[in-house]
Amino acid sequence: MVKVYFATNRRPEPEQDPTDFGKGFSEAGLASLRFGFAEVTGKKLDRYALHVEPEKLVKDADRRQRDGEGSILGSTAAFDRVRKKMLEKSRDTVIFIHGYDVSFTEALTGAATLKRNFGVDAGGPGVNVVLFSWPSDGSMMPYVAYASDRQDAAASGPAFARGFLKLAAFLRGSTPQEACDQCIHLVAHSMGNYVLRHAVQEIDSQSPNRAPRIFDQVFLMAADEDDDAFEHDHKLKPLPRLAKRVNVYFNNEDKAMAVSDKTKGNPDRLGDDGPRVPRGIPGKVTLIDCTPVVEGIVEHTYFLDTPAVVEDMQGVLAGTAPDMFDRRDYVPETNRYRLKNGA
């Protein structure tokens, strides 16, 4: 069993005591979030048991005794659960934003796979995983679904920002006894990077030049984002201020990037060949070319399915310096590291 925490602005199904979350937005609004956790089981991690935090208030006797309040918001209950796990297990937490064409249950499978890949038994440090799931269509209609998902991704940015700012406020309010001294990381896949762009814009608008640096490592995986994203304030240029380091993984054999580039009228993609001006990026951004190690049908989900990429991400989480990986070669002309197979 793999336990995954989640926050989502999808429509709950049914509205009361939901057992799933659908394609559309919550009727309470685009930025309305529901929190909970899922126990994911099965050989393919495709069986789920959901626990959704009550939408309004939940009882918390310990907190009532401490500060006189009789109840707390569902988000605070969810944050408390994660913090307790971070304290008990001395483990970091990874927040995961999925890409387009992904249903809620498929997103849970991806999050559970990520947690398994980063587990101690797999050679990783062991982490908690919190999924942010936005209302991707989960449809294979390539033109209709893509256009709809792109709009929904942009509209979901403020929801993620709202959760981010809630988390920042929650951490600032922690007592010394509650502080866990563990790190929070972020993994954004495919169009999840477009969600992240709009979240960064919302955070920056609410806290101009004062946004908290809440993330340790940020992973931009197969980013369906413009290749000039780090050059413009209205895109991802403010992102490095929110993190200790930003890691951009890309694969120029990724067919999903080619489809986005050529058939959707998008500029060249960040997830195809990295930034347009690789030597003009901030110093805390690291570029990792995965092309040499990715094969077959996993060309877009290589962050979950390609051992060399998973191992590299494990090393980043473990705190290995960018130039100290045995399976990386540095290419000075393009300011990138190229992954290589073998020991």
Protein backbone atom coordinates (compact mmCIF):
# COMPACT_ATOMS: atom_id res chain seq x y z
CA MET A 1 0.00 0.00 0.00
CA VAL A 2 1.29 3.47 -0.95
CA LYS A 3 -0.18 6.47 0.87
CA VAL A 4 -0.53 9.66 -1.16
CA TYR A 5 -1.84 12.98 0.13
CA PHE A 6 -3.72 15.24 -2.27
CA ALA A 7 -5.20 18.67 -2.86
CA THR A 8 -7.51 19.22 -5.81
CA ASN A 9 -9.75 21.85 -7.39
CA ARG A 10 -11.61 19.19 -9.40
CA ARG A 11 -15.35 18.63 -9.00
CA PRO A 12 -16.05 16.11 -6.20
CA GLU A 13 -18.15 13.11 -7.21
CA PRO A 14 -20.53 12.88 -5.45
CA GLU A 15 -20.58 16.33 -3.88
CA GLN A 16 -20.98 14.89 -0.37
CA ASP A 17 -18.55 12.20 0.79
CA PRO A 18 -16.82 11.99 -2.62
CA THR A 19 -15.28 8.76 -3.85
CA ASP A 20 -13.68 10.39 -6.89
CA PHE A 21 -13.01 13.78 -8.50
CA GLY A 22 -14.10 14.54 -12.06
CA LYS A 23 -13.00 16.54 -15.07
CA GLY A 24 -14.59 19.89 -14.25
CA PHE A 25 -13.84 22.48 -11.61
CA SER A 26 -15.39 22.43 -8.17
CA GLU A 27 -18.73 24.26 -8.10
CA ALA A 28 -17.36 26.29 -5.20
CA GLY A 29 -14.97 28.05 -7.62
CA LEU A 30 -11.79 27.60 -9.64
CA ALA A 31 -9.54 28.11 -6.62
CA SER A 32 -11.58 26.01 -4.20
CA LEU A 33 -9.48 23.15 -2.86
CA ARG A 34 -10.36 19.83 -1.26
CA PHE A 35 -7.76 17.91 0.71
CA GLY A 36 -7.33 14.30 1.70
CA PHE A 37 -5.27 11.18 1.20
CA ALA A 38 -5.51 7.97 -0.79
CA GLU A 39 -4.29 4.47 -0.07
CA VAL A 40 -3.10 3.18 -3.44
CA THR A 41 -2.71 -0.56 -3.98
CA GLY A 42 -2.53 -3.17 -6.76
CA LYS A 43 0.35 -4.40 -8.91
CA LYS A 44 -0.13 -1.42 -11.22
CA LEU A 45 -0.98 0.97 -8.35
CA ASP A 46 -4.45 1.35 -9.82
CA ARG A 47 -6.72 0.62 -6.85
CA TYR A 48 -7.68 3.45 -4.51
CA ALA A 49 -9.31 4.09 -1.17
CA LEU A 50 -9.97 7.81 -0.60
CA HIS A 51 -10.24 9.78 2.60
CA VAL A 52 -11.41 13.35 1.97
CA GLU A 53 -11.06 15.93 4.72
CA PRO A 54 -14.39 17.56 5.66
CA GLU A 55 -14.93 20.63 3.50
CA LYS A 56 -15.60 23.06 6.32
CA LEU A 57 -14.23 22.26 9.76
CA VAL A 58 -12.84 19.28 11.63
CA LYS A 59 -12.36 18.73 15.33
CA ASP A 60 -8.89 18.81 16.80
CA ALA A 61 -8.82 18.43 20.59
CA ASP A 62 -5.06 18.94 20.88
CA ARG A 63 -5.20 22.25 19.01
CA ARG A 64 -8.24 23.34 21.05
CA GLN A 65 -6.28 22.77 24.24
CA ARG A 66 -3.28 24.64 22.89
CA ASP A 67 -4.85 27.77 21.44
CA GLY A 68 -8.49 27.76 22.48
CA GLU A 69 -9.91 27.04 19.03
CA GLY A 70 -12.58 24.38 18.72
CA SER A 71 -11.96 23.46 15.09
CA ILE A 72 -9.59 23.84 12.16
CA LEU A 73 -9.93 24.02 8.42
CA GLY A 74 -9.60 20.86 6.33
CA SER A 75 -6.40 22.25 4.78
CA THR A 76 -4.83 22.63 8.21
CA ALA A 77 -5.82 19.08 9.12
CA ALA A 78 -4.14 17.86 5.91
CA PHE A 79 -0.99 19.90 6.58
CA ASP A 80 -0.91 18.54 10.14
CA ARG A 81 -1.01 14.97 8.83
CA VAL A 82 1.92 15.57 6.49
CA ARG A 83 3.97 17.44 9.10
CA LYS A 84 3.51 14.62 11.61
CA LYS A 85 4.81 12.13 9.04
CA MET A 86 7.78 14.38 8.31
CA LEU A 87 8.54 14.51 12.04
CA GLU A 88 8.02 10.80 12.70
CA LYS A 89 9.97 9.51 9.70
CA SER A 90 12.43 12.43 9.25
CA ARG A 91 11.41 12.46 5.60
CA ASP A 92 11.08 15.24 3.05
CA THR A 93 7.84 15.90 1.19
CA VAL A 94 7.46 16.08 -2.60
CA ILE A 95 4.57 18.03 -4.13
CA PHE A 96 3.57 16.66 -7.56
CA ILE A 97 1.64 18.51 -10.32
CA HIS A 98 0.58 16.15 -13.10
CA GLY A 99 0.29 16.94 -16.80
CA TYR A 100 -2.52 16.98 -19.36
CA ASP A 101 -4.76 14.07 -20.40
CA VAL A 102 -4.76 12.70 -16.84
CA SER A 103 -7.77 11.69 -14.74
CA PHE A 104 -7.75 12.03 -10.94
CA THR A 105 -7.16 8.32 -10.41
CA GLU A 106 -4.40 8.25 -13.05
CA ALA A 107 -2.80 11.17 -11.21
CA LEU A 108 -2.90 9.13 -7.98
CA THR A 109 -1.13 6.29 -9.79
CA GLY A 110 1.56 8.69 -10.98
CA ALA A 111 2.00 10.13 -7.48
CA ALA A 112 2.19 6.66 -5.94
CA THR A 113 4.77 5.61 -8.54
CA LEU A 114 6.82 8.70 -7.71
CA LYS A 115 6.71 7.84 -4.02
CA ARG A 116 7.70 4.23 -4.72
CA ASN A 117 10.60 5.37 -6.94
CA PHE A 118 11.90 7.64 -4.17
CA GLY A 119 11.45 4.99 -1.49
CA VAL A 120 14.31 3.57 0.55
CA ASP A 121 13.80 0.12 -1.00
CA ALA A 122 14.33 1.69 -4.45
CA GLY A 123 17.55 3.44 -3.42
CA GLY A 124 15.93 6.79 -2.68
CA PRO A 125 15.78 8.82 0.52
CA GLY A 126 12.12 8.03 1.26
CA VAL A 127 9.57 10.84 0.96
CA ASN A 128 5.96 11.83 1.51
CA VAL A 129 4.12 12.76 -1.69
CA VAL A 130 1.37 15.36 -1.98
CA LEU A 131 -0.50 15.42 -5.30
CA PHE A 132 -2.00 18.61 -6.69
CA SER A 133 -4.61 17.47 -9.21
CA TRP A 134 -6.22 19.97 -11.58
CA PRO A 135 -9.15 19.14 -13.91
CA SER A 136 -7.32 17.66 -16.87
CA ASP A 137 -9.74 16.09 -19.35
CA GLY A 138 -8.33 12.60 -19.17
CA SER A 139 -9.34 12.23 -22.82
CA MET A 140 -7.45 11.04 -25.88
CA MET A 141 -9.14 13.55 -28.22
CA PRO A 142 -5.86 15.30 -29.10
CA TYR A 143 -7.00 18.73 -30.28
CA VAL A 144 -10.08 19.27 -28.12
CA ALA A 145 -8.51 17.87 -24.95
CA TYR A 146 -5.26 19.78 -25.32
CA ALA A 147 -6.94 23.16 -25.83
CA SER A 148 -9.31 22.54 -22.93
CA ASP A 149 -6.54 21.33 -20.64
CA ARG A 150 -4.36 24.34 -21.43
CA GLN A 151 -7.18 26.69 -20.41
CA ASP A 152 -7.89 24.65 -17.28
CA ALA A 153 -4.19 24.56 -16.42
CA ALA A 154 -3.97 28.35 -16.59
CA ALA A 155 -7.13 28.70 -14.48
CA SER A 156 -5.75 26.24 -11.91
CA GLY A 157 -2.63 28.28 -11.23
CA PRO A 158 -4.36 30.46 -8.61
CA ALA A 159 -5.63 27.31 -6.84
CA PHE A 160 -2.10 25.97 -6.51
CA ALA A 161 -0.91 29.42 -5.41
CA ARG A 162 -3.64 29.50 -2.77
CA GLY A 163 -2.47 26.15 -1.42
CA PHE A 164 1.15 27.31 -1.56
CA LEU A 165 0.43 30.46 0.44
CA LYS A 166 -1.68 28.48 2.94
CA LEU A 167 1.25 26.12 3.41
CA ALA A 168 3.69 29.01 3.85
CA ALA A 169 1.43 30.57 6.48
CA PHE A 170 1.03 27.20 8.21
CA LEU A 171 4.80 26.67 8.37
CA ARG A 172 5.38 30.21 9.67
CA GLY A 173 2.88 29.49 12.45
CA SER A 174 4.59 26.29 13.59
CA THR A 175 6.04 26.17 17.08
CA PRO A 176 9.67 25.06 17.61
CA GLN A 177 8.35 21.70 18.83
CA GLU A 178 6.33 21.26 15.61
CA ALA A 179 9.13 22.23 13.22
CA CYS A 180 10.40 19.15 11.39
CA ASP A 181 13.56 20.58 9.74
CA GLN A 182 12.80 18.59 6.58
CA CYS A 183 12.62 19.90 3.01
CA ILE A 184 9.70 20.39 0.62
CA HIS A 185 10.33 19.71 -3.07
CA LEU A 186 8.22 20.15 -6.20
CA VAL A 187 7.85 17.96 -9.31
CA ALA A 188 5.87 19.43 -12.24
CA HIS A 189 5.27 17.25 -15.29
CA SER A 190 4.28 18.27 -18.82
CA MET A 191 1.42 20.81 -18.72
CA GLY A 192 1.72 20.86 -14.95
CA ASN A 193 4.50 23.35 -15.66
CA TYR A 194 1.90 25.65 -17.22
CA VAL A 195 -0.11 25.36 -14.00
CA LEU A 196 3.09 26.25 -12.16
CA ARG A 197 3.72 29.30 -14.39
CA HIS A 198 0.32 30.77 -13.52
CA ALA A 199 0.76 29.86 -9.86
CA VAL A 200 4.10 31.70 -9.80
CA GLN A 201 2.43 34.74 -11.32
CA GLU A 202 -0.31 34.68 -8.68
CA ILE A 203 2.18 34.26 -5.84
CA ASP A 204 4.33 37.08 -7.21
CA SER A 205 1.32 39.38 -7.52
CA GLN A 206 0.33 38.75 -3.90
CA SER A 207 3.88 38.95 -2.53
CA PRO A 208 5.93 41.00 -5.04
CA ASN A 209 9.62 40.21 -4.52
CA ARG A 210 8.74 38.85 -1.08
CA ALA A 211 7.49 35.33 -1.87
CA PRO A 212 8.79 32.75 0.61
CA ARG A 213 11.47 30.34 -0.59
CA ILE A 214 9.52 27.29 0.49
CA PHE A 215 10.96 24.70 -1.92
CA ASP A 216 14.35 23.06 -1.76
CA GLN A 217 14.52 21.27 -5.15
CA VAL A 218 12.14 21.96 -8.04
CA PHE A 219 11.98 19.44 -10.90
CA LEU A 220 10.55 20.58 -14.26
CA MET A 221 9.98 17.31 -16.11
CA ALA A 222 9.16 17.22 -19.85
CA ALA A 223 7.88 20.78 -19.43
CA ASP A 224 5.14 21.75 -21.89
CA GLU A 225 6.26 25.34 -21.49
CA ASP A 226 7.91 27.86 -23.83
CA ASP A 227 11.66 27.55 -24.19
CA ASP A 228 12.06 31.24 -23.29
CA ALA A 229 10.21 30.75 -19.98
CA PHE A 230 13.18 31.85 -17.84
CA GLU A 231 13.58 35.08 -19.83
CA HIS A 232 10.23 36.69 -18.97
CA ASP A 233 8.68 37.88 -15.73
CA HIS A 234 5.23 36.81 -16.92
CA LYS A 235 6.44 33.21 -17.36
CA LEU A 236 8.87 31.30 -15.09
CA LYS A 237 11.56 33.91 -14.50
CA PRO A 238 10.42 34.45 -10.85
CA LEU A 239 10.47 30.69 -10.11
CA PRO A 240 14.11 30.41 -8.89
CA ARG A 241 13.29 32.85 -6.10
CA LEU A 242 10.93 30.22 -4.65
CA ALA A 243 13.51 27.43 -4.53
CA LYS A 244 17.06 26.53 -3.59
CA ARG A 245 17.56 24.93 -7.05
CA VAL A 246 15.51 24.34 -10.20
CA ASN A 247 16.27 21.22 -12.26
CA VAL A 248 15.05 21.15 -15.89
CA TYR A 249 14.88 17.66 -17.43
CA PHE A 250 14.22 17.32 -21.16
CA ASN A 251 14.30 14.82 -24.03
CA ASN A 252 14.49 15.93 -27.66
CA GLU A 253 12.91 12.64 -28.78
CA ASP A 254 9.76 13.40 -26.78
CA LYS A 255 6.91 13.10 -29.28
CA ALA A 256 4.49 14.91 -26.98
CA MET A 257 6.74 17.97 -27.14
CA ALA A 258 6.86 17.74 -30.94
CA VAL A 259 3.06 17.56 -31.10
CA SER A 260 2.72 20.59 -28.81
CA ASP A 261 5.28 22.50 -30.87
CA LYS A 262 4.12 21.73 -34.41
CA THR A 263 0.38 21.04 -34.26
CA LYS A 264 -0.75 23.37 -31.48
CA GLY A 265 1.03 26.51 -32.68
CA ASN A 266 3.19 26.71 -29.56
CA PRO A 267 6.78 28.03 -29.57
CA ASP A 268 9.64 25.56 -29.08
CA ARG A 269 9.15 23.67 -25.82
CA LEU A 270 11.31 23.73 -22.71
CA GLY A 271 10.85 19.97 -22.39
CA ASP A 272 12.21 19.34 -25.89
CA ASP A 273 15.72 20.82 -25.91
CA GLY A 274 15.87 22.99 -22.80
CA PRO A 275 15.97 26.80 -22.64
CA ARG A 276 16.34 28.93 -25.78
CA VAL A 277 19.38 30.70 -24.30
CA PRO A 278 21.02 28.01 -22.12
CA ARG A 279 23.86 30.23 -20.96
CA GLY A 280 21.47 33.01 -19.96
CA ILE A 281 19.63 31.11 -17.24
CA PRO A 282 20.00 31.88 -13.50
CA GLY A 283 22.89 30.18 -11.74
CA LYS A 284 20.60 28.06 -9.58
CA VAL A 285 18.97 26.41 -12.64
CA THR A 286 20.49 23.07 -13.74
CA LEU A 287 19.79 21.57 -17.18
CA ILE A 288 19.68 17.77 -17.62
CA ASP A 289 19.39 16.22 -21.10
CA CYS A 290 17.78 12.79 -20.77
CA THR A 291 17.76 11.96 -24.50
CA PRO A 292 20.61 9.38 -24.39
CA VAL A 293 18.87 7.21 -21.76
CA VAL A 294 15.18 7.36 -22.78
CA GLU A 295 13.84 4.65 -25.06
CA GLY A 296 10.49 3.45 -26.42
CA ILE A 297 7.03 4.47 -25.28
CA VAL A 298 8.20 6.14 -22.05
CA GLU A 299 9.57 9.19 -23.91
CA HIS A 300 7.12 11.54 -22.11
CA THR A 301 6.87 9.77 -18.72
CA TYR A 302 10.57 9.01 -18.39
CA PHE A 303 10.68 10.64 -14.97
CA LEU A 304 8.63 7.68 -13.71
CA ASP A 305 9.77 4.87 -15.99
CA THR A 306 13.43 5.34 -16.95
CA PRO A 307 15.85 4.00 -14.28
CA ALA A 308 18.69 6.40 -15.16
CA VAL A 309 16.38 9.42 -14.77
CA VAL A 310 14.88 8.11 -11.53
CA GLU A 311 18.37 7.51 -10.15
CA ASP A 312 19.41 11.04 -11.12
CA MET A 313 16.39 12.52 -9.36
CA GLN A 314 17.19 10.44 -6.29
CA GLY A 315 20.67 11.95 -6.28
CA VAL A 316 19.26 15.48 -6.46
CA LEU A 317 16.96 14.77 -3.49
CA ALA A 318 19.94 13.36 -1.58
CA GLY A 319 21.74 16.69 -2.01
CA THR A 320 24.39 15.64 -4.54
CA ALA A 321 26.02 18.68 -6.18
CA PRO A 322 25.17 19.05 -9.91
CA ASP A 323 28.74 18.30 -11.02
CA MET A 324 29.22 15.25 -8.77
CA PHE A 325 27.01 12.71 -10.58
CA ASP A 326 28.85 9.72 -12.10
CA ARG A 327 26.22 9.34 -14.83
CA ARG A 328 26.30 12.94 -16.05
CA ASP A 329 28.59 14.49 -18.67
CA TYR A 330 28.80 18.27 -18.79
CA VAL A 331 28.47 19.92 -22.22
CA PRO A 332 29.87 23.47 -21.87
CA GLU A 333 28.65 24.66 -25.28
CA THR A 334 25.03 24.25 -24.21
CA ASN A 335 25.50 24.55 -20.43
CA ARG A 336 23.80 21.21 -19.81
CA TYR A 337 24.44 17.81 -18.33
CA ARG A 338 23.78 14.75 -20.50
CA LEU A 339 22.75 11.57 -18.76
CA LYS A 340 24.52 8.39 -19.76
CA ASN A 341 23.82 4.69 -19.30
CA GLY A 342 26.05 2.39 -17.31
CA ALA A 343 27.55 2.46 -13.86
